């Protein structure tokens, strides 16, 4: 069983930055294949944001965040980060991290590929 805890959410003005963290309670990063970030805005379905494969660092991004968000990992700390820059009001959502236990997978952006989920952290972009 893998336990994921998100942190770093909050209120930020448009154009600002935040860094989210996802800490995984695994012995090593080899205990899971990939970590992804999803978000859910009020009244909308949950949507994929980014994903990183833990053994080789391969990353994927949703088009809506490409060039603004960066996903990275610290294997020693079993933590994945989501650096969010140039934030927009439409980035407001609850952000979730999730883990894929075994890979590879064909569709990193599909919720059903993920085996474990965190509880989420609120990000609000507003002036």
Protein backbone atom coordinates (compact mmCIF):
# COMPACT_ATOMS: atom_id res chain seq x y z
CA UNK A 1 0.00 0.00 0.00
CA UNK A 2 1.28 3.44 -0.93
CA UNK A 3 0.28 6.59 0.93
CA UNK A 4 0.48 9.95 -0.85
CA UNK A 5 0.33 13.37 0.83
CA UNK A 6 0.13 16.63 -1.09
CA UNK A 7 1.26 20.00 0.25
CA UNK A 8 1.99 23.51 -0.98
CA UNK A 9 -1.42 24.69 -2.10
CA UNK A 10 -2.77 28.13 -1.28
CA UNK A 11 -3.95 31.47 -2.60
CA UNK A 12 -1.84 33.23 -5.22
CA UNK A 13 -2.39 36.20 -7.51
CA UNK A 14 -2.58 35.79 -11.29
CA UNK A 15 0.91 35.59 -12.74
CA UNK A 16 2.29 34.19 -9.50
CA UNK A 17 3.92 30.85 -8.69
CA UNK A 18 3.40 27.92 -6.36
CA UNK A 19 5.22 24.67 -5.83
CA UNK A 20 3.24 21.61 -4.86
CA UNK A 21 4.83 18.56 -3.28
CA UNK A 22 3.69 14.95 -3.23
CA UNK A 23 5.37 12.80 -0.58
CA UNK A 24 5.08 9.05 -1.05
CA UNK A 25 5.37 6.63 1.85
CA UNK A 26 7.37 4.04 -0.04
CA UNK A 27 10.67 2.45 0.88
CA UNK A 28 12.17 3.51 -2.43
CA UNK A 29 10.97 5.11 -5.63
CA UNK A 30 11.20 1.65 -7.19
CA UNK A 31 7.99 0.78 -5.35
CA UNK A 32 5.99 2.66 -7.98
CA UNK A 33 6.32 3.36 -11.69
CA UNK A 34 5.15 6.93 -12.03
CA UNK A 35 3.57 9.85 -10.21
CA UNK A 36 1.03 12.11 -11.81
CA UNK A 37 -0.78 15.31 -10.92
CA UNK A 38 -4.46 15.82 -11.63
CA UNK A 39 -6.75 18.73 -10.86
CA UNK A 40 -10.47 19.24 -10.42
CA UNK A 41 -12.08 22.63 -10.75
CA UNK A 42 -15.57 23.26 -9.33
CA UNK A 43 -18.22 21.70 -11.53
CA UNK A 44 -15.69 20.04 -13.82
CA UNK A 45 -14.29 16.52 -14.09
CA UNK A 46 -10.84 15.72 -12.80
CA UNK A 47 -8.20 16.26 -15.46
CA UNK A 48 -4.57 15.22 -15.86
CA UNK A 49 -1.90 17.87 -15.49
CA UNK A 50 1.48 16.14 -15.63
CA UNK A 51 3.24 12.85 -15.02
CA UNK A 52 6.80 11.72 -14.35
CA UNK A 53 8.25 8.24 -14.62
CA UNK A 54 10.37 7.69 -11.54
CA UNK A 55 13.16 5.54 -12.95
CA UNK A 56 14.12 7.64 -15.97
CA UNK A 57 12.49 11.03 -15.40
CA UNK A 58 10.37 11.01 -18.55
CA UNK A 59 7.68 13.69 -18.27
CA UNK A 60 4.33 14.38 -19.89
CA UNK A 61 2.16 17.48 -19.68
CA UNK A 62 -1.34 18.56 -20.55
CA UNK A 63 -1.36 21.17 -23.30
CA UNK A 64 -3.00 23.69 -20.98
CA UNK A 65 0.02 23.77 -18.65
CA UNK A 66 2.90 23.07 -20.99
CA UNK A 67 5.63 25.75 -20.71
CA UNK A 68 4.17 26.97 -17.39
CA UNK A 69 4.31 23.94 -15.12
CA UNK A 70 7.28 21.67 -14.42
CA UNK A 71 7.12 18.26 -12.76
CA UNK A 72 10.24 16.95 -11.07
CA UNK A 73 11.29 14.28 -8.58
CA UNK A 74 13.60 13.77 -5.66
CA UNK A 75 14.02 10.02 -5.40
CA UNK A 76 15.98 10.26 -2.16
CA UNK A 77 13.02 11.98 -0.52
CA UNK A 78 10.35 9.97 -2.40
CA UNK A 79 8.82 13.30 -3.32
CA UNK A 80 7.50 14.67 -6.60
CA UNK A 81 7.09 18.39 -7.16
CA UNK A 82 4.89 20.46 -9.42
CA UNK A 83 6.31 23.93 -10.02
CA UNK A 84 3.52 26.16 -11.30
CA UNK A 85 4.43 29.49 -12.86
CA UNK A 86 2.42 32.19 -14.63
CA UNK A 87 -0.68 31.01 -12.83
CA UNK A 88 -4.09 31.93 -14.23
CA UNK A 89 -7.52 32.04 -12.58
CA UNK A 90 -8.48 28.98 -14.63
CA UNK A 91 -5.75 27.01 -12.81
CA UNK A 92 -7.88 27.23 -9.67
CA UNK A 93 -8.68 23.67 -8.59
CA UNK A 94 -8.02 20.96 -6.07
CA UNK A 95 -4.76 19.32 -7.11
CA UNK A 96 -4.25 15.60 -6.52
CA UNK A 97 -1.19 13.46 -6.89
CA UNK A 98 -1.53 9.82 -7.85
CA UNK A 99 0.78 6.87 -8.39
CA UNK A 100 0.96 4.15 -11.00
CA UNK A 101 2.20 0.96 -9.37
CA UNK A 102 3.38 -0.95 -12.45
CA UNK A 103 4.25 0.27 -15.91
CA UNK A 104 4.53 1.03 -18.67
CA UNK A 105 1.09 2.46 -19.37
CA UNK A 106 -0.39 3.72 -22.61
CA UNK A 107 -2.41 6.65 -21.35
CA UNK A 108 -0.80 8.54 -18.47
CA UNK A 109 -3.65 11.05 -18.56
CA UNK A 110 -6.36 8.52 -17.70
CA UNK A 111 -7.41 8.20 -14.06
CA UNK A 112 -7.85 4.45 -14.31
CA UNK A 113 -4.12 3.99 -14.89
CA UNK A 114 -3.44 5.18 -11.34
CA UNK A 115 -3.57 2.89 -8.32
CA UNK A 116 -3.12 5.28 -5.40
CA UNK A 117 -4.40 8.80 -4.76
CA UNK A 118 -3.72 11.56 -2.31
CA UNK A 119 -6.36 13.67 -0.61
CA UNK A 120 -5.70 16.80 -2.62
CA UNK A 121 -4.59 20.37 -1.97
CA UNK A 122 -6.48 23.52 -2.91
CA UNK A 123 -4.92 26.03 -5.30
CA UNK A 124 -6.74 29.32 -5.76
CA UNK A 125 -5.57 31.91 -8.28
CA UNK A 126 -7.30 35.20 -7.65
CA UNK A 127 -6.59 38.89 -7.22
